[in-house]
PDB file of N, CA and C in Angstrom:
ATOM      1  N   MET A   1     -28.225  22.433  -0.268  1.00  0.00           N
ATOM      2  CA  MET A   1     -28.295  21.714   1.066  1.00  0.00           C
ATOM      3  C   MET A   1     -27.260  20.639   1.199  1.00  0.00           C
ATOM      4  N   GLY A   2     -26.378  20.874   2.213  1.00  0.00           N
ATOM      5  CA  GLY A   2     -25.117  19.944   2.184  1.00  0.00           C
ATOM      6  C   GLY A   2     -25.483  18.827   2.988  1.00  0.00           C
ATOM      7  N   GLY A   3     -25.176  17.640   2.740  1.00  0.00           N
ATOM      8  CA  GLY A   3     -25.634  16.351   3.469  1.00  0.00           C
ATOM      9  C   GLY A   3     -24.431  15.864   4.598  1.00  0.00           C
ATOM     10  N   LYS A   4     -24.619  15.097   5.419  1.00  0.00           N
ATOM     11  CA  LYS A   4     -23.715  14.888   6.186  1.00  0.00           C
ATOM     12  C   LYS A   4     -22.962  13.488   5.751  1.00  0.00           C
ATOM     13  N   TYR A   5     -23.393  12.957   4.915  1.00  0.00           N
ATOM     14  CA  TYR A   5     -22.732  12.045   4.168  1.00  0.00           C
ATOM     15  C   TYR A   5     -21.764  12.089   3.209  1.00  0.00           C
ATOM     16  N   LYS A   6     -20.568  11.507   3.039  1.00  0.00           N
ATOM     17  CA  LYS A   6     -19.677  11.405   2.160  1.00  0.00           C
ATOM     18  C   LYS A   6     -20.068  10.985   0.711  1.00  0.00           C
ATOM     19  N   LYS A   7     -19.630  11.472  -0.252  1.00  0.00           N
ATOM     20  CA  LYS A   7     -20.208  11.296  -1.542  1.00  0.00           C
ATOM     21  C   LYS A   7     -19.108  10.472  -2.177  1.00  0.00           C
ATOM     22  N   TYR A   8     -19.341   9.229  -2.652  1.00  0.00           N
ATOM     23  CA  TYR A   8     -18.166   8.231  -3.150  1.00  0.00           C
ATOM     24  C   TYR A   8     -18.314   8.227  -4.834  1.00  0.00           C
ATOM     25  N   THR A   9     -17.415   8.164  -5.500  1.00  0.00           N
ATOM     26  CA  THR A   9     -17.358   8.059  -6.742  1.00  0.00           C
ATOM     27  C   THR A   9     -17.851   6.621  -7.287  1.00  0.00           C
ATOM     28  N   LYS A  10     -18.549   6.187  -8.172  1.00  0.00           N
ATOM     29  CA  LYS A  10     -18.811   4.904  -8.469  1.00  0.00           C
ATOM     30  C   LYS A  10     -17.671   4.327  -9.181  1.00  0.00           C
ATOM     31  N   SER A  11     -17.269   2.954  -8.747  1.00  0.00           N
ATOM     32  CA  SER A  11     -15.993   2.364  -9.419  1.00  0.00           C
ATOM     33  C   SER A  11     -16.306   1.427 -10.484  1.00  0.00           C
ATOM     34  N   SER A  12     -15.559   1.298 -11.498  1.00  0.00           N
ATOM     35  CA  SER A  12     -15.935   0.534 -12.660  1.00  0.00           C
ATOM     36  C   SER A  12     -15.899  -1.030 -12.370  1.00  0.00           C
ATOM     37  N   LYS A  13     -16.387  -1.929 -13.258  1.00  0.00           N
ATOM     38  CA  LYS A  13     -16.549  -3.116 -12.860  1.00  0.00           C
ATOM     39  C   LYS A  13     -15.146  -4.012 -12.686  1.00  0.00           C
ATOM     40  N   GLY A  14     -14.301  -3.309 -13.669  1.00  0.00           N
ATOM     41  CA  GLY A  14     -12.961  -4.054 -13.621  1.00  0.00           C
ATOM     42  C   GLY A  14     -12.116  -3.432 -12.204  1.00  0.00           C
ATOM     43  N   THR A  15     -12.420  -2.425 -11.684  1.00  0.00           N
ATOM     44  CA  THR A  15     -11.915  -1.833 -10.255  1.00  0.00           C
ATOM     45  C   THR A  15     -12.518  -2.831  -9.262  1.00  0.00           C
ATOM     46  N   ILE A  16     -13.777  -2.990  -9.206  1.00  0.00           N
ATOM     47  CA  ILE A  16     -14.616  -3.747  -8.490  1.00  0.00           C
ATOM     48  C   ILE A  16     -14.001  -5.167  -8.213  1.00  0.00           C
ATOM     49  N   ALA A  17     -13.673  -5.842  -9.544  1.00  0.00           N
ATOM     50  CA  ALA A  17     -13.344  -7.196  -9.534  1.00  0.00           C
ATOM     51  C   ALA A  17     -11.829  -7.225  -9.006  1.00  0.00           C
ATOM     52  N   GLU A  18     -11.038  -6.290  -9.250  1.00  0.00           N
ATOM     53  CA  GLU A  18      -9.705  -6.308  -8.832  1.00  0.00           C
ATOM     54  C   GLU A  18      -9.571  -6.084  -7.348  1.00  0.00           C
ATOM     55  N   ARG A  19     -10.653  -5.401  -6.739  1.00  0.00           N
ATOM     56  CA  ARG A  19     -10.651  -5.248  -5.145  1.00  0.00           C
ATOM     57  C   ARG A  19     -11.060  -6.305  -4.583  1.00  0.00           C
ATOM     58  N   VAL A  20     -11.998  -6.998  -5.336  1.00  0.00           N
ATOM     59  CA  VAL A  20     -12.637  -8.210  -4.770  1.00  0.00           C
ATOM     60  C   VAL A  20     -11.478  -9.438  -4.646  1.00  0.00           C
ATOM     61  N   ASN A  21     -10.720  -9.298  -5.559  1.00  0.00           N
ATOM     62  CA  ASN A  21      -9.669 -10.308  -5.639  1.00  0.00           C
ATOM     63  C   ASN A  21      -8.632 -10.159  -4.647  1.00  0.00           C
ATOM     64  N   VAL A  22      -8.381  -8.886  -4.364  1.00  0.00           N
ATOM     65  CA  VAL A  22      -7.351  -8.423  -3.387  1.00  0.00           C
ATOM     66  C   VAL A  22      -7.807  -8.710  -1.885  1.00  0.00           C
ATOM     67  N   VAL A  23      -9.499  -8.510  -1.821  1.00  0.00           N
ATOM     68  CA  VAL A  23      -9.923  -8.693  -0.367  1.00  0.00           C
ATOM     69  C   VAL A  23      -9.892 -10.479  -0.291  1.00  0.00           C
ATOM     70  N   THR A  24     -10.102 -11.214  -1.513  1.00  0.00           N
ATOM     71  CA  THR A  24      -9.867 -12.647  -1.210  1.00  0.00           C
ATOM     72  C   THR A  24      -8.716 -13.036  -0.935  1.00  0.00           C
ATOM     73  N   GLU A  25      -7.697 -12.503  -1.430  1.00  0.00           N
ATOM     74  CA  GLU A  25      -6.506 -12.848  -1.018  1.00  0.00           C
ATOM     75  C   GLU A  25      -6.042 -12.634   0.641  1.00  0.00           C
ATOM     76  N   MET A  26      -6.854 -11.446   0.871  1.00  0.00           N
ATOM     77  CA  MET A  26      -6.409 -10.780   2.560  1.00  0.00           C
ATOM     78  C   MET A  26      -7.377 -11.968   3.403  1.00  0.00           C
ATOM     79  N   ILE A  27      -8.437 -12.364   2.901  1.00  0.00           N
ATOM     80  CA  ILE A  27      -9.320 -13.399   3.696  1.00  0.00           C
ATOM     81  C   ILE A  27      -8.337 -14.746   3.659  1.00  0.00           C
ATOM     82  N   LEU A  28      -7.972 -15.182   2.717  1.00  0.00           N
ATOM     83  CA  LEU A  28      -7.239 -16.404   2.566  1.00  0.00           C
ATOM     84  C   LEU A  28      -5.743 -16.279   3.435  1.00  0.00           C
ATOM     85  N   ASP A  29      -5.295 -14.969   3.416  1.00  0.00           N
ATOM     86  CA  ASP A  29      -4.012 -14.539   4.541  1.00  0.00           C
ATOM     87  C   ASP A  29      -4.452 -14.536   5.950  1.00  0.00           C
ATOM     88  N   GLY A  30      -5.795 -14.683   6.284  1.00  0.00           N
ATOM     89  CA  GLY A  30      -5.995 -14.286   7.604  1.00  0.00           C
ATOM     90  C   GLY A  30      -6.430 -13.303   8.106  1.00  0.00           C
ATOM     91  N   MET A  31      -6.393 -12.044   7.237  1.00  0.00           N
ATOM     92  CA  MET A  31      -6.829 -10.871   7.783  1.00  0.00           C
ATOM     93  C   MET A  31      -8.326 -10.435   8.070  1.00  0.00           C
ATOM     94  N   ILE A  32      -8.178  -9.750   9.159  1.00  0.00           N
ATOM     95  CA  ILE A  32      -9.623  -9.279   9.541  1.00  0.00           C
ATOM     96  C   ILE A  32     -10.384  -8.059   8.917  1.00  0.00           C
ATOM     97  N   ARG A  33     -11.554  -7.987   8.903  1.00  0.00           N
ATOM     98  CA  ARG A  33     -12.433  -6.932   8.532  1.00  0.00           C
ATOM     99  C   ARG A  33     -11.841  -5.570   8.938  1.00  0.00           C
ATOM    100  N   ALA A  34     -11.335  -4.985  10.141  1.00  0.00           N
ATOM    101  CA  ALA A  34     -10.529  -4.040  10.393  1.00  0.00           C
ATOM    102  C   ALA A  34      -9.260  -3.851   9.772  1.00  0.00           C
ATOM    103  N   ASP A  35      -8.486  -4.809   9.197  1.00  0.00           N
ATOM    104  CA  ASP A  35      -7.308  -4.686   8.674  1.00  0.00           C
ATOM    105  C   ASP A  35      -7.437  -4.276   7.115  1.00  0.00           C
ATOM    106  N   MET A  36      -8.723  -4.992   6.574  1.00  0.00           N
ATOM    107  CA  MET A  36      -9.096  -4.494   5.323  1.00  0.00           C
ATOM    108  C   MET A  36      -9.717  -3.098   5.027  1.00  0.00           C
ATOM    109  N   ILE A  37     -10.350  -2.619   6.166  1.00  0.00           N
ATOM    110  CA  ILE A  37     -10.750  -1.224   6.137  1.00  0.00           C
ATOM    111  C   ILE A  37      -9.422  -0.279   6.227  1.00  0.00           C
ATOM    112  N   GLN A  38      -8.573  -0.714   6.750  1.00  0.00           N
ATOM    113  CA  GLN A  38      -7.415   0.012   7.281  1.00  0.00           C
ATOM    114  C   GLN A  38      -6.518   0.056   5.645  1.00  0.00           C
ATOM    115  N   TYR A  39      -6.443  -0.894   5.243  1.00  0.00           N
ATOM    116  CA  TYR A  39      -5.754  -1.063   4.020  1.00  0.00           C
ATOM    117  C   TYR A  39      -6.602  -0.148   2.946  1.00  0.00           C
ATOM    118  N   ALA A  40      -7.768  -0.228   2.780  1.00  0.00           N
ATOM    119  CA  ALA A  40      -8.512   0.297   1.831  1.00  0.00           C
ATOM    120  C   ALA A  40      -8.514   2.132   2.125  1.00  0.00           C
ATOM    121  N   SER A  41      -8.157   2.427   3.388  1.00  0.00           N
ATOM    122  CA  SER A  41      -8.512   3.730   3.684  1.00  0.00           C
ATOM    123  C   SER A  41      -6.934   4.608   3.949  1.00  0.00           C
ATOM    124  N   LYS A  42      -6.079   3.738   3.848  1.00  0.00           N
ATOM    125  CA  LYS A  42      -4.692   4.115   3.649  1.00  0.00           C
ATOM    126  C   LYS A  42      -4.314   5.465   2.909  1.00  0.00           C
ATOM    127  N   ILE A  43      -3.918   6.502   3.274  1.00  0.00           N
ATOM    128  CA  ILE A  43      -3.899   7.642   2.626  1.00  0.00           C
ATOM    129  C   ILE A  43      -2.390   7.353   1.741  1.00  0.00           C
ATOM    130  N   LEU A  44      -2.649   7.481   0.492  1.00  0.00           N
ATOM    131  CA  LEU A  44      -1.282   7.184  -0.619  1.00  0.00           C
ATOM    132  C   LEU A  44      -0.433   8.705  -0.577  1.00  0.00           C
ATOM    133  N   PRO A  45       0.505   8.536  -0.183  1.00  0.00           N
ATOM    134  CA  PRO A  45       1.590   9.887  -0.351  1.00  0.00           C
ATOM    135  C   PRO A  45       1.543  10.412  -1.710  1.00  0.00           C
ATOM    136  N   GLU A  46       1.552   9.885  -2.699  1.00  0.00           N
ATOM    137  CA  GLU A  46       1.515  10.272  -4.171  1.00  0.00           C
ATOM    138  C   GLU A  46       0.152  11.023  -4.555  1.00  0.00           C
ATOM    139  N   THR A  47      -0.826  10.578  -3.976  1.00  0.00           N
ATOM    140  CA  THR A  47      -2.277  11.389  -4.464  1.00  0.00           C
ATOM    141  C   THR A  47      -2.774  12.102  -3.323  1.00  0.00           C
ATOM    142  N   GLN A  48      -2.437  11.907  -1.855  1.00  0.00           N
ATOM    143  CA  GLN A  48      -2.898  12.455  -0.555  1.00  0.00           C
ATOM    144  C   GLN A  48      -4.347  12.066  -0.654  1.00  0.00           C
ATOM    145  N   LYS A  49      -4.794  10.811  -1.216  1.00  0.00           N
ATOM    146  CA  LYS A  49      -5.968  10.301  -0.939  1.00  0.00           C
ATOM    147  C   LYS A  49      -6.109   8.838  -0.595  1.00  0.00           C
ATOM    148  N   PRO A  50      -7.460   8.631   0.040  1.00  0.00           N
ATOM    149  CA  PRO A  50      -7.294   7.151   0.278  1.00  0.00           C
ATOM    150  C   PRO A  50      -7.079   6.082  -0.781  1.00  0.00           C
ATOM    151  N   ARG A  51      -6.420   4.973  -0.655  1.00  0.00           N
ATOM    152  CA  ARG A  51      -6.143   4.118  -1.369  1.00  0.00           C
ATOM    153  C   ARG A  51      -7.400   3.588  -2.555  1.00  0.00           C
ATOM    154  N   TRP A  52      -8.482   3.224  -1.701  1.00  0.00           N
ATOM    155  CA  TRP A  52      -9.740   2.935  -2.661  1.00  0.00           C
ATOM    156  C   TRP A  52     -10.862   4.046  -2.245  1.00  0.00           C
ATOM    157  N   ASP A  53     -10.884   4.845  -1.294  1.00  0.00           N
ATOM    158  CA  ASP A  53     -11.772   5.848  -0.989  1.00  0.00           C
ATOM    159  C   ASP A  53     -13.236   5.291  -1.079  1.00  0.00           C
ATOM    160  N   VAL A  54     -13.393   4.152  -0.319  1.00  0.00           N
ATOM    161  CA  VAL A  54     -14.784   3.517  -0.156  1.00  0.00           C
ATOM    162  C   VAL A  54     -15.155   3.318   1.272  1.00  0.00           C
ATOM    163  N   SER A  55     -16.299   3.152   1.349  1.00  0.00           N
ATOM    164  CA  SER A  55     -17.181   3.227   2.823  1.00  0.00           C
ATOM    165  C   SER A  55     -16.897   1.709   3.365  1.00  0.00           C
ATOM    166  N   SER A  56     -17.017   1.552   4.726  1.00  0.00           N
ATOM    167  CA  SER A  56     -16.743   0.426   5.366  1.00  0.00           C
ATOM    168  C   SER A  56     -17.949  -0.363   4.902  1.00  0.00           C
ATOM    169  N   ARG A  57     -18.848  -0.036   4.506  1.00  0.00           N
ATOM    170  CA  ARG A  57     -20.146  -0.860   3.976  1.00  0.00           C
ATOM    171  C   ARG A  57     -19.615  -1.319   2.288  1.00  0.00           C
ATOM    172  N   GLN A  58     -19.075  -0.742   1.795  1.00  0.00           N
ATOM    173  CA  GLN A  58     -18.455  -1.339   0.542  1.00  0.00           C
ATOM    174  C   GLN A  58     -17.590  -2.372   0.820  1.00  0.00           C
ATOM    175  N   ILE A  59     -16.584  -2.212   1.840  1.00  0.00           N
ATOM    176  CA  ILE A  59     -15.569  -3.080   2.152  1.00  0.00           C
ATOM    177  C   ILE A  59     -16.791  -4.412   2.422  1.00  0.00           C
ATOM    178  N   ASP A  60     -17.673  -4.405   3.311  1.00  0.00           N
ATOM    179  CA  ASP A  60     -18.500  -5.447   3.557  1.00  0.00           C
ATOM    180  C   ASP A  60     -19.064  -6.334   2.294  1.00  0.00           C
ATOM    181  N   THR A  61     -19.369  -5.509   1.258  1.00  0.00           N
ATOM    182  CA  THR A  61     -19.580  -5.849   0.177  1.00  0.00           C
ATOM    183  C   THR A  61     -18.715  -6.539  -0.660  1.00  0.00           C
ATOM    184  N   TYR A  62     -17.372  -6.020  -0.769  1.00  0.00           N
ATOM    185  CA  TYR A  62     -16.312  -6.962  -1.199  1.00  0.00           C
ATOM    186  C   TYR A  62     -16.074  -8.084  -0.415  1.00  0.00           C
ATOM    187  N   ILE A  63     -16.087  -8.020   0.899  1.00  0.00           N
ATOM    188  CA  ILE A  63     -15.776  -9.350   1.807  1.00  0.00           C
ATOM    189  C   ILE A  63     -16.993 -10.377   1.533  1.00  0.00           C
ATOM    190  N   SER A  64     -18.218  -9.925   1.152  1.00  0.00           N
ATOM    191  CA  SER A  64     -19.201 -11.035   0.828  1.00  0.00           C
ATOM    192  C   SER A  64     -18.953 -11.506  -0.700  1.00  0.00           C
ATOM    193  N   LYS A  65     -18.439 -10.742  -1.782  1.00  0.00           N
ATOM    194  CA  LYS A  65     -18.185 -11.278  -3.033  1.00  0.00           C
ATOM    195  C   LYS A  65     -17.149 -11.894  -2.991  1.00  0.00           C
ATOM    196  N   ALA A  66     -15.961 -12.029  -2.101  1.00  0.00           N
ATOM    197  CA  ALA A  66     -15.046 -12.628  -1.911  1.00  0.00           C
ATOM    198  C   ALA A  66     -15.164 -13.835  -1.530  1.00  0.00           C
ATOM    199  N   ASN A  67     -16.044 -13.923  -0.301  1.00  0.00           N
ATOM    200  CA  ASN A  67     -16.470 -15.190   0.317  1.00  0.00           C
ATOM    201  C   ASN A  67     -17.191 -16.221  -0.699  1.00  0.00           C
ATOM    202  N   GLN A  68     -17.973 -15.518  -1.569  1.00  0.00           N
ATOM    203  CA  GLN A  68     -18.544 -16.321  -2.625  1.00  0.00           C
ATOM    204  C   GLN A  68     -17.781 -16.796  -3.576  1.00  0.00           C
ATOM    205  N   GLN A  69     -16.667 -16.069  -4.111  1.00  0.00           N
ATOM    206  CA  GLN A  69     -15.682 -16.607  -4.963  1.00  0.00           C
ATOM    207  C   GLN A  69     -15.077 -17.915  -4.127  1.00  0.00           C
ATOM    208  N   ILE A  70     -14.505 -17.625  -3.114  1.00  0.00           N
ATOM    209  CA  ILE A  70     -13.991 -18.676  -2.232  1.00  0.00           C
ATOM    210  C   ILE A  70     -14.490 -19.957  -2.070  1.00  0.00           C
ATOM    211  N   SER A  71     -16.118 -19.820  -1.800  1.00  0.00           N
ATOM    212  CA  SER A  71     -17.103 -20.974  -1.734  1.00  0.00           C
ATOM    213  C   SER A  71     -17.186 -21.642  -3.084  1.00  0.00           C
ATOM    214  N   LYS A  72     -17.155 -20.714  -4.215  1.00  0.00           N
ATOM    215  CA  LYS A  72     -17.061 -21.867  -5.634  1.00  0.00           C
ATOM    216  C   LYS A  72     -15.980 -22.191  -5.674  1.00  0.00           C
ATOM    217  N   GLN A  73     -14.863 -21.735  -5.426  1.00  0.00           N
ATOM    218  CA  GLN A  73     -13.640 -22.482  -5.829  1.00  0.00           C
ATOM    219  C   GLN A  73     -13.525 -23.760  -4.787  1.00  0.00           C
ATOM    220  N   TYR A  74     -13.756 -23.650  -3.751  1.00  0.00           N
ATOM    221  CA  TYR A  74     -14.063 -24.746  -2.793  1.00  0.00           C
ATOM    222  C   TYR A  74     -14.790 -25.913  -3.525  1.00  0.00           C
ATOM    223  N   GLU A  75     -16.060 -25.710  -3.730  1.00  0.00           N
ATOM    224  CA  GLU A  75     -17.052 -26.591  -4.387  1.00  0.00           C
ATOM    225  C   GLU A  75     -16.144 -27.285  -5.729  1.00  0.00           C
ATOM    226  N   LYS A  76     -15.573 -26.561  -6.525  1.00  0.00           N
ATOM    227  CA  LYS A  76     -14.967 -26.924  -7.689  1.00  0.00           C
ATOM    228  C   LYS A  76     -13.764 -28.023  -7.428  1.00  0.00           C
ATOM    229  N   ASP A  77     -13.111 -27.584  -6.249  1.00  0.00           N
ATOM    230  CA  ASP A  77     -12.022 -28.390  -5.750  1.00  0.00           C
ATOM    231  C   ASP A  77     -12.598 -29.636  -5.124  1.00  0.00           C
ATOM    232  N   ILE A  78     -13.606 -29.569  -4.454  1.00  0.00           N
ATOM    233  CA  ILE A  78     -14.275 -30.685  -3.884  1.00  0.00           C
ATOM    234  C   ILE A  78     -14.890 -31.786  -5.126  1.00  0.00           C
ATOM    235  N   LYS A  79     -15.286 -31.120  -6.119  1.00  0.00           N
ATOM    236  CA  LYS A  79     -15.845 -31.931  -7.045  1.00  0.00           C
ATOM    237  C   LYS A  79     -14.631 -32.706  -7.541  1.00  0.00           C
ATOM    238  N   HIS A  80     -13.496 -31.648  -8.050  1.00  0.00           N
ATOM    239  CA  HIS A  80     -12.310 -32.341  -8.763  1.00  0.00           C
ATOM    240  C   HIS A  80     -11.931 -33.372  -7.906  1.00  0.00           C
ATOM    241  N   LEU A  81     -11.654 -33.286  -6.469  1.00  0.00           N
ATOM    242  CA  LEU A  81     -11.178 -34.213  -5.465  1.00  0.00           C
ATOM    243  C   LEU A  81     -11.954 -35.719  -5.657  1.00  0.00           C
ATOM    244  N   THR A  82     -13.076 -35.318  -5.433  1.00  0.00           N
ATOM    245  CA  THR A  82     -14.000 -36.577  -5.590  1.00  0.00           C
ATOM    246  C   THR A  82     -13.961 -37.412  -6.800  1.00  0.00           C
ATOM    247  N   LYS A  83     -14.030 -36.648  -7.780  1.00  0.00           N
ATOM    248  CA  LYS A  83     -14.106 -37.205  -9.243  1.00  0.00           C
ATOM    249  C   LYS A  83     -12.917 -37.894  -9.268  1.00  0.00           C
ATOM    250  N   ASN A  84     -11.690 -37.483  -8.950  1.00  0.00           N
ATOM    251  CA  ASN A  84     -10.443 -38.139  -9.381  1.00  0.00           C
ATOM    252  C   ASN A  84      -9.811 -38.859  -8.258  1.00  0.00           C
ATOM    253  N   GLY A  85     -10.538 -38.871  -6.922  1.00  0.00           N
ATOM    254  CA  GLY A  85     -10.008 -39.636  -5.964  1.00  0.00           C
ATOM    255  C   GLY A  85     -10.515 -40.871  -5.765  1.00  0.00           C
TER     256      GLY A  85
END
């Protein structure tokens, strides 16, 4: 019985961490969600497959984790600045 949903392969923790770091940089560079989805879904000529082959919902997860990383770094920076300022 075929489903209407595309099946995605599960990425390793290392791959996910790398993608979250890329998304973090994209956020810091001012990119919006649509740009991130386009980046992830771009067909690479050498493989003829999407760069990341993930759903837009997974991109949202990466964005959420990236925002958490940014917040943590911000908190560390504030503590450092107020401690040494």
